[in-house]
N, C-alpha and C. Protein backbone atom coordinates (compact mmCIF):
# COMPACT_ATOMS: atom_id res chain seq x y z
N MET A 1 4.73 15.25 -0.86
CA MET A 1 4.85 14.65 0.46
C MET A 1 4.42 13.19 0.44
N LYS A 2 3.25 12.91 -0.18
CA LYS A 2 2.76 11.53 -0.23
C LYS A 2 3.81 10.62 -0.85
N LYS A 3 4.36 11.07 -1.96
CA LYS A 3 5.31 10.23 -2.68
C LYS A 3 6.49 9.88 -1.79
N TRP A 4 7.03 10.84 -1.07
CA TRP A 4 8.22 10.58 -0.28
C TRP A 4 7.93 9.67 0.89
N ILE A 5 6.76 9.77 1.47
CA ILE A 5 6.39 8.86 2.57
C ILE A 5 6.33 7.43 2.05
N LEU A 6 5.70 7.23 0.90
CA LEU A 6 5.61 5.88 0.34
C LEU A 6 6.97 5.37 -0.11
N VAL A 7 7.74 6.21 -0.78
CA VAL A 7 9.05 5.80 -1.28
C VAL A 7 9.94 5.40 -0.12
N LEU A 8 9.95 6.20 0.95
CA LEU A 8 10.76 5.87 2.11
C LEU A 8 10.42 4.49 2.65
N ALA A 9 9.15 4.23 2.80
CA ALA A 9 8.71 2.95 3.35
C ALA A 9 9.09 1.79 2.45
N LEU A 10 8.89 1.96 1.16
CA LEU A 10 9.15 0.86 0.24
C LEU A 10 10.64 0.60 0.07
N LEU A 11 11.45 1.65 0.14
CA LEU A 11 12.89 1.48 -0.02
C LEU A 11 13.54 0.86 1.20
N VAL A 12 13.09 1.23 2.39
CA VAL A 12 13.73 0.71 3.59
C VAL A 12 13.05 -0.54 4.11
N GLY A 13 11.99 -1.00 3.45
CA GLY A 13 11.30 -2.20 3.91
C GLY A 13 10.73 -1.98 5.29
N ALA A 14 9.93 -0.95 5.45
CA ALA A 14 9.51 -0.47 6.76
C ALA A 14 8.58 -1.38 7.53
N VAL A 15 8.13 -2.46 6.99
CA VAL A 15 7.15 -3.29 7.70
C VAL A 15 7.87 -4.44 8.39
N ASP A 16 7.61 -4.57 9.69
CA ASP A 16 8.22 -5.67 10.44
C ASP A 16 7.26 -6.87 10.49
N ALA A 17 7.72 -7.96 11.07
CA ALA A 17 6.93 -9.19 11.08
C ALA A 17 5.59 -9.01 11.78
N LYS A 18 5.54 -8.19 12.82
CA LYS A 18 4.29 -7.97 13.55
C LYS A 18 3.23 -7.38 12.62
N GLU A 19 3.63 -6.51 11.73
CA GLU A 19 2.68 -5.87 10.82
C GLU A 19 2.13 -6.86 9.79
N LEU A 20 2.86 -7.93 9.52
CA LEU A 20 2.39 -8.90 8.53
C LEU A 20 1.23 -9.73 9.08
N GLU A 21 1.15 -9.85 10.40
CA GLU A 21 0.03 -10.58 10.99
C GLU A 21 -1.27 -9.82 10.78
N ARG A 22 -1.24 -8.53 10.95
CA ARG A 22 -2.38 -7.65 10.71
C ARG A 22 -1.85 -6.58 9.79
N PRO A 23 -2.02 -6.75 8.49
CA PRO A 23 -1.33 -5.89 7.54
C PRO A 23 -1.62 -4.40 7.76
N LEU A 24 -0.58 -3.64 7.69
CA LEU A 24 -0.68 -2.20 7.79
C LEU A 24 -1.35 -1.68 6.52
N ILE A 25 -2.41 -0.92 6.69
CA ILE A 25 -3.12 -0.35 5.54
C ILE A 25 -2.52 1.01 5.22
N VAL A 26 -2.00 1.13 4.02
CA VAL A 26 -1.37 2.36 3.56
C VAL A 26 -2.43 3.41 3.26
N GLY A 27 -3.46 3.02 2.52
CA GLY A 27 -4.50 3.97 2.17
C GLY A 27 -5.54 3.35 1.26
N HIS A 28 -6.42 4.21 0.79
CA HIS A 28 -7.56 3.78 -0.02
C HIS A 28 -7.69 4.65 -1.27
N ILE A 29 -8.22 4.03 -2.31
CA ILE A 29 -8.56 4.74 -3.55
C ILE A 29 -10.00 4.37 -3.88
N ALA A 30 -10.84 5.37 -4.09
CA ALA A 30 -12.22 5.09 -4.50
C ALA A 30 -12.20 4.54 -5.92
N ASN A 31 -13.07 3.56 -6.20
CA ASN A 31 -13.15 3.07 -7.58
C ASN A 31 -14.49 3.47 -8.21
N GLN A 32 -14.58 3.31 -9.51
CA GLN A 32 -15.76 3.77 -10.26
C GLN A 32 -17.02 3.00 -9.92
N ALA A 33 -16.88 1.80 -9.38
CA ALA A 33 -18.05 0.98 -9.05
C ALA A 33 -18.64 1.34 -7.69
N GLY A 34 -18.06 2.33 -7.02
CA GLY A 34 -18.56 2.73 -5.72
C GLY A 34 -17.91 2.01 -4.56
N GLY A 35 -16.94 1.18 -4.86
CA GLY A 35 -16.22 0.46 -3.83
C GLY A 35 -14.93 1.17 -3.48
N GLU A 36 -14.02 0.42 -2.87
CA GLU A 36 -12.79 1.03 -2.40
C GLU A 36 -11.63 0.06 -2.57
N ILE A 37 -10.56 0.56 -3.14
CA ILE A 37 -9.32 -0.21 -3.28
C ILE A 37 -8.49 0.06 -2.03
N THR A 38 -8.01 -0.99 -1.39
CA THR A 38 -7.23 -0.86 -0.17
C THR A 38 -5.81 -1.36 -0.42
N LEU A 39 -4.85 -0.47 -0.26
CA LEU A 39 -3.45 -0.80 -0.43
C LEU A 39 -2.86 -1.13 0.93
N THR A 40 -2.21 -2.28 1.03
CA THR A 40 -1.60 -2.70 2.29
C THR A 40 -0.09 -2.86 2.10
N MET A 41 0.59 -3.11 3.20
CA MET A 41 2.02 -3.43 3.14
C MET A 41 2.25 -4.92 3.38
N ARG A 42 1.21 -5.72 3.22
CA ARG A 42 1.32 -7.17 3.42
C ARG A 42 2.10 -7.79 2.27
N SER A 43 3.03 -8.62 2.62
CA SER A 43 3.84 -9.31 1.63
C SER A 43 3.27 -10.71 1.40
N THR A 44 3.12 -11.09 0.16
CA THR A 44 2.71 -12.44 -0.18
C THR A 44 3.71 -13.00 -1.19
N ALA A 45 3.75 -14.31 -1.32
CA ALA A 45 4.69 -14.91 -2.27
C ALA A 45 4.47 -14.39 -3.68
N LYS A 46 3.20 -14.33 -4.09
CA LYS A 46 2.90 -13.86 -5.44
C LYS A 46 3.32 -12.41 -5.63
N CYS A 47 3.05 -11.57 -4.64
CA CYS A 47 3.41 -10.16 -4.75
C CYS A 47 4.92 -9.97 -4.74
N ARG A 48 5.64 -10.75 -3.93
CA ARG A 48 7.11 -10.64 -3.92
C ARG A 48 7.67 -10.95 -5.29
N GLU A 49 7.09 -11.89 -6.01
CA GLU A 49 7.55 -12.21 -7.37
C GLU A 49 7.41 -11.01 -8.30
N GLN A 50 6.45 -10.14 -8.01
CA GLN A 50 6.20 -8.95 -8.83
C GLN A 50 6.82 -7.69 -8.22
N ASP A 51 7.64 -7.86 -7.17
CA ASP A 51 8.24 -6.74 -6.46
C ASP A 51 7.15 -5.76 -6.03
N ALA A 52 6.10 -6.30 -5.40
CA ALA A 52 4.93 -5.53 -5.04
C ALA A 52 4.38 -6.02 -3.70
N VAL A 53 3.30 -5.40 -3.23
CA VAL A 53 2.63 -5.81 -1.99
C VAL A 53 1.12 -5.92 -2.22
N PHE A 54 0.42 -6.47 -1.25
CA PHE A 54 -0.98 -6.89 -1.39
C PHE A 54 -1.98 -5.73 -1.45
N VAL A 55 -3.00 -5.91 -2.30
CA VAL A 55 -4.09 -4.94 -2.46
C VAL A 55 -5.39 -5.71 -2.63
N TYR A 56 -6.50 -5.09 -2.23
CA TYR A 56 -7.81 -5.71 -2.45
C TYR A 56 -8.87 -4.64 -2.68
N ILE A 57 -9.99 -5.08 -3.26
CA ILE A 57 -11.15 -4.20 -3.47
C ILE A 57 -12.29 -4.68 -2.60
N ARG A 58 -12.93 -3.75 -1.92
CA ARG A 58 -14.21 -4.03 -1.25
C ARG A 58 -15.29 -3.39 -2.11
N ASP A 59 -16.33 -4.18 -2.40
CA ASP A 59 -17.45 -3.64 -3.18
C ASP A 59 -18.30 -2.75 -2.28
N PRO A 60 -19.29 -2.06 -2.84
CA PRO A 60 -20.11 -1.16 -2.01
C PRO A 60 -20.77 -1.87 -0.82
N GLY A 61 -20.96 -3.18 -0.90
CA GLY A 61 -21.54 -3.95 0.20
C GLY A 61 -20.53 -4.35 1.26
N GLY A 62 -19.25 -4.06 1.03
CA GLY A 62 -18.21 -4.36 2.01
C GLY A 62 -17.50 -5.69 1.81
N ARG A 63 -17.90 -6.46 0.80
CA ARG A 63 -17.25 -7.75 0.53
C ARG A 63 -15.98 -7.54 -0.30
N VAL A 64 -14.97 -8.35 -0.01
CA VAL A 64 -13.76 -8.33 -0.84
C VAL A 64 -14.10 -9.00 -2.16
N SER A 65 -13.95 -8.25 -3.24
CA SER A 65 -14.36 -8.77 -4.54
C SER A 65 -13.20 -9.09 -5.47
N LEU A 66 -12.01 -8.59 -5.16
CA LEU A 66 -10.85 -8.84 -6.02
C LEU A 66 -9.59 -8.57 -5.22
N ILE A 67 -8.55 -9.39 -5.45
CA ILE A 67 -7.26 -9.19 -4.80
C ILE A 67 -6.18 -9.08 -5.84
N GLY A 68 -5.04 -8.58 -5.41
CA GLY A 68 -3.91 -8.46 -6.32
C GLY A 68 -2.70 -7.90 -5.60
N CYS A 69 -1.83 -7.26 -6.38
CA CYS A 69 -0.60 -6.70 -5.86
C CYS A 69 -0.43 -5.28 -6.40
N TRP A 70 0.23 -4.42 -5.63
CA TRP A 70 0.45 -3.05 -6.10
C TRP A 70 1.91 -2.65 -5.91
N ARG A 71 2.29 -1.66 -6.72
CA ARG A 71 3.65 -1.14 -6.68
C ARG A 71 3.62 0.33 -7.07
N LEU A 72 4.46 1.13 -6.45
CA LEU A 72 4.59 2.55 -6.77
C LEU A 72 5.74 2.74 -7.74
N VAL A 73 5.46 3.40 -8.87
CA VAL A 73 6.50 3.73 -9.85
C VAL A 73 6.37 5.22 -10.13
N GLY A 74 7.34 5.99 -9.65
CA GLY A 74 7.27 7.44 -9.80
C GLY A 74 6.06 7.99 -9.06
N GLU A 75 5.18 8.64 -9.78
CA GLU A 75 3.97 9.24 -9.21
C GLU A 75 2.73 8.37 -9.50
N THR A 76 2.95 7.12 -9.90
CA THR A 76 1.85 6.26 -10.32
C THR A 76 1.82 4.97 -9.51
N ILE A 77 0.61 4.60 -9.09
CA ILE A 77 0.39 3.33 -8.39
C ILE A 77 -0.11 2.33 -9.43
N PHE A 78 0.62 1.24 -9.60
CA PHE A 78 0.21 0.18 -10.53
C PHE A 78 -0.38 -0.97 -9.72
N VAL A 79 -1.53 -1.45 -10.15
CA VAL A 79 -2.20 -2.56 -9.49
C VAL A 79 -2.33 -3.70 -10.49
N PHE A 80 -1.87 -4.88 -10.08
CA PHE A 80 -1.92 -6.08 -10.90
C PHE A 80 -2.93 -7.02 -10.27
N TRP A 81 -4.14 -7.05 -10.81
CA TRP A 81 -5.22 -7.85 -10.22
C TRP A 81 -5.07 -9.31 -10.58
N ASP A 82 -5.56 -10.19 -9.70
CA ASP A 82 -5.48 -11.63 -9.93
C ASP A 82 -6.29 -12.10 -11.14
N ASP A 83 -7.23 -11.28 -11.61
CA ASP A 83 -7.98 -11.68 -12.80
C ASP A 83 -7.23 -11.36 -14.09
N GLY A 84 -6.00 -10.83 -13.97
CA GLY A 84 -5.17 -10.54 -15.13
C GLY A 84 -5.18 -9.08 -15.56
N ASP A 85 -6.09 -8.29 -15.04
CA ASP A 85 -6.13 -6.87 -15.40
C ASP A 85 -5.05 -6.10 -14.64
N THR A 86 -4.56 -5.04 -15.27
CA THR A 86 -3.62 -4.12 -14.65
C THR A 86 -4.20 -2.72 -14.78
N TYR A 87 -4.20 -1.99 -13.69
CA TYR A 87 -4.69 -0.61 -13.69
C TYR A 87 -3.62 0.29 -13.08
N SER A 88 -3.69 1.55 -13.43
CA SER A 88 -2.79 2.53 -12.82
C SER A 88 -3.63 3.68 -12.27
N TYR A 89 -3.13 4.26 -11.18
CA TYR A 89 -3.82 5.35 -10.51
C TYR A 89 -2.80 6.41 -10.15
N PRO A 90 -3.17 7.68 -10.26
CA PRO A 90 -2.23 8.72 -9.84
C PRO A 90 -2.06 8.69 -8.32
N LEU A 91 -0.88 8.97 -7.86
CA LEU A 91 -0.61 8.96 -6.43
C LEU A 91 -1.56 9.88 -5.67
N ASP A 92 -1.96 10.97 -6.30
CA ASP A 92 -2.88 11.91 -5.64
C ASP A 92 -4.24 11.31 -5.33
N ALA A 93 -4.59 10.19 -5.97
CA ALA A 93 -5.88 9.55 -5.70
C ALA A 93 -5.88 8.79 -4.38
N LEU A 94 -4.70 8.55 -3.83
CA LEU A 94 -4.57 7.77 -2.59
C LEU A 94 -4.87 8.63 -1.36
N ARG A 95 -5.78 8.11 -0.52
CA ARG A 95 -6.04 8.73 0.79
C ARG A 95 -5.31 7.88 1.83
N MET A 96 -4.20 8.40 2.33
CA MET A 96 -3.41 7.64 3.30
C MET A 96 -4.13 7.58 4.64
N THR A 97 -3.98 6.46 5.33
CA THR A 97 -4.63 6.28 6.62
C THR A 97 -3.81 6.97 7.72
N PRO A 98 -4.48 7.44 8.77
CA PRO A 98 -3.74 8.01 9.91
C PRO A 98 -2.77 7.00 10.52
N GLU A 99 -3.15 5.73 10.52
CA GLU A 99 -2.29 4.66 11.04
C GLU A 99 -0.97 4.61 10.26
N TRP A 100 -1.06 4.70 8.96
CA TRP A 100 0.13 4.67 8.10
C TRP A 100 1.01 5.90 8.37
N LEU A 101 0.39 7.06 8.45
CA LEU A 101 1.16 8.29 8.67
C LEU A 101 1.87 8.25 10.03
N ARG A 102 1.19 7.75 11.08
CA ARG A 102 1.82 7.60 12.39
C ARG A 102 2.99 6.63 12.32
N TYR A 103 2.77 5.51 11.65
CA TYR A 103 3.82 4.50 11.51
C TYR A 103 5.05 5.10 10.85
N MET A 104 4.84 5.86 9.79
CA MET A 104 5.97 6.44 9.07
C MET A 104 6.67 7.51 9.89
N GLU A 105 5.94 8.27 10.69
CA GLU A 105 6.57 9.24 11.58
C GLU A 105 7.46 8.53 12.60
N GLN A 106 6.96 7.41 13.14
CA GLN A 106 7.75 6.64 14.11
C GLN A 106 9.00 6.08 13.46
N GLU A 107 8.87 5.58 12.23
CA GLU A 107 10.03 5.03 11.53
C GLU A 107 11.06 6.12 11.25
N ALA A 108 10.60 7.29 10.85
CA ALA A 108 11.52 8.40 10.58
C ALA A 108 12.25 8.81 11.86
N ALA A 109 11.53 8.83 12.98
CA ALA A 109 12.15 9.18 14.26
C ALA A 109 13.20 8.13 14.65
N ARG A 110 12.89 6.84 14.44
CA ARG A 110 13.86 5.78 14.75
C ARG A 110 15.11 5.90 13.88
N GLU A 111 14.89 6.19 12.60
CA GLU A 111 16.02 6.36 11.69
C GLU A 111 16.90 7.53 12.13
N LYS A 112 16.26 8.62 12.51
CA LYS A 112 17.00 9.80 12.95
C LYS A 112 17.79 9.50 14.21
N GLU A 113 17.18 8.79 15.16
CA GLU A 113 17.88 8.40 16.38
C GLU A 113 19.08 7.52 16.09
N ALA A 114 18.91 6.61 15.15
CA ALA A 114 19.98 5.67 14.81
C ALA A 114 21.18 6.36 14.17
N THR A 115 20.94 7.46 13.52
CA THR A 115 22.03 8.15 12.81
C THR A 115 22.64 9.28 13.63
N THR A 116 22.09 9.54 14.82
CA THR A 116 22.68 10.62 15.65
C THR A 116 23.42 10.07 16.84
């Protein structure tokens, strides 16, 4: 289910201009340092070059400590950090936000309306 929700959004370009002002948060992945990786649907010039969208890490103190870009390939989330490191995470590690799930339900309903 998670995979199809993400794939649908990424394939149809589900984020409109309003969402770019306050980026829609897709979900979070806990990291080994006790912080949290936050995947967004925010588009940046650098991320567009990598066919990806914006991601950041908050350390245990809540400060943003690293930024980068992420992309879903099959069942794997690839993160390309600005410090040059690349990490991969299984899709099952992602905790999707209620906001994201609501957004995707609304998009699916709009798509269904448009095709009927």
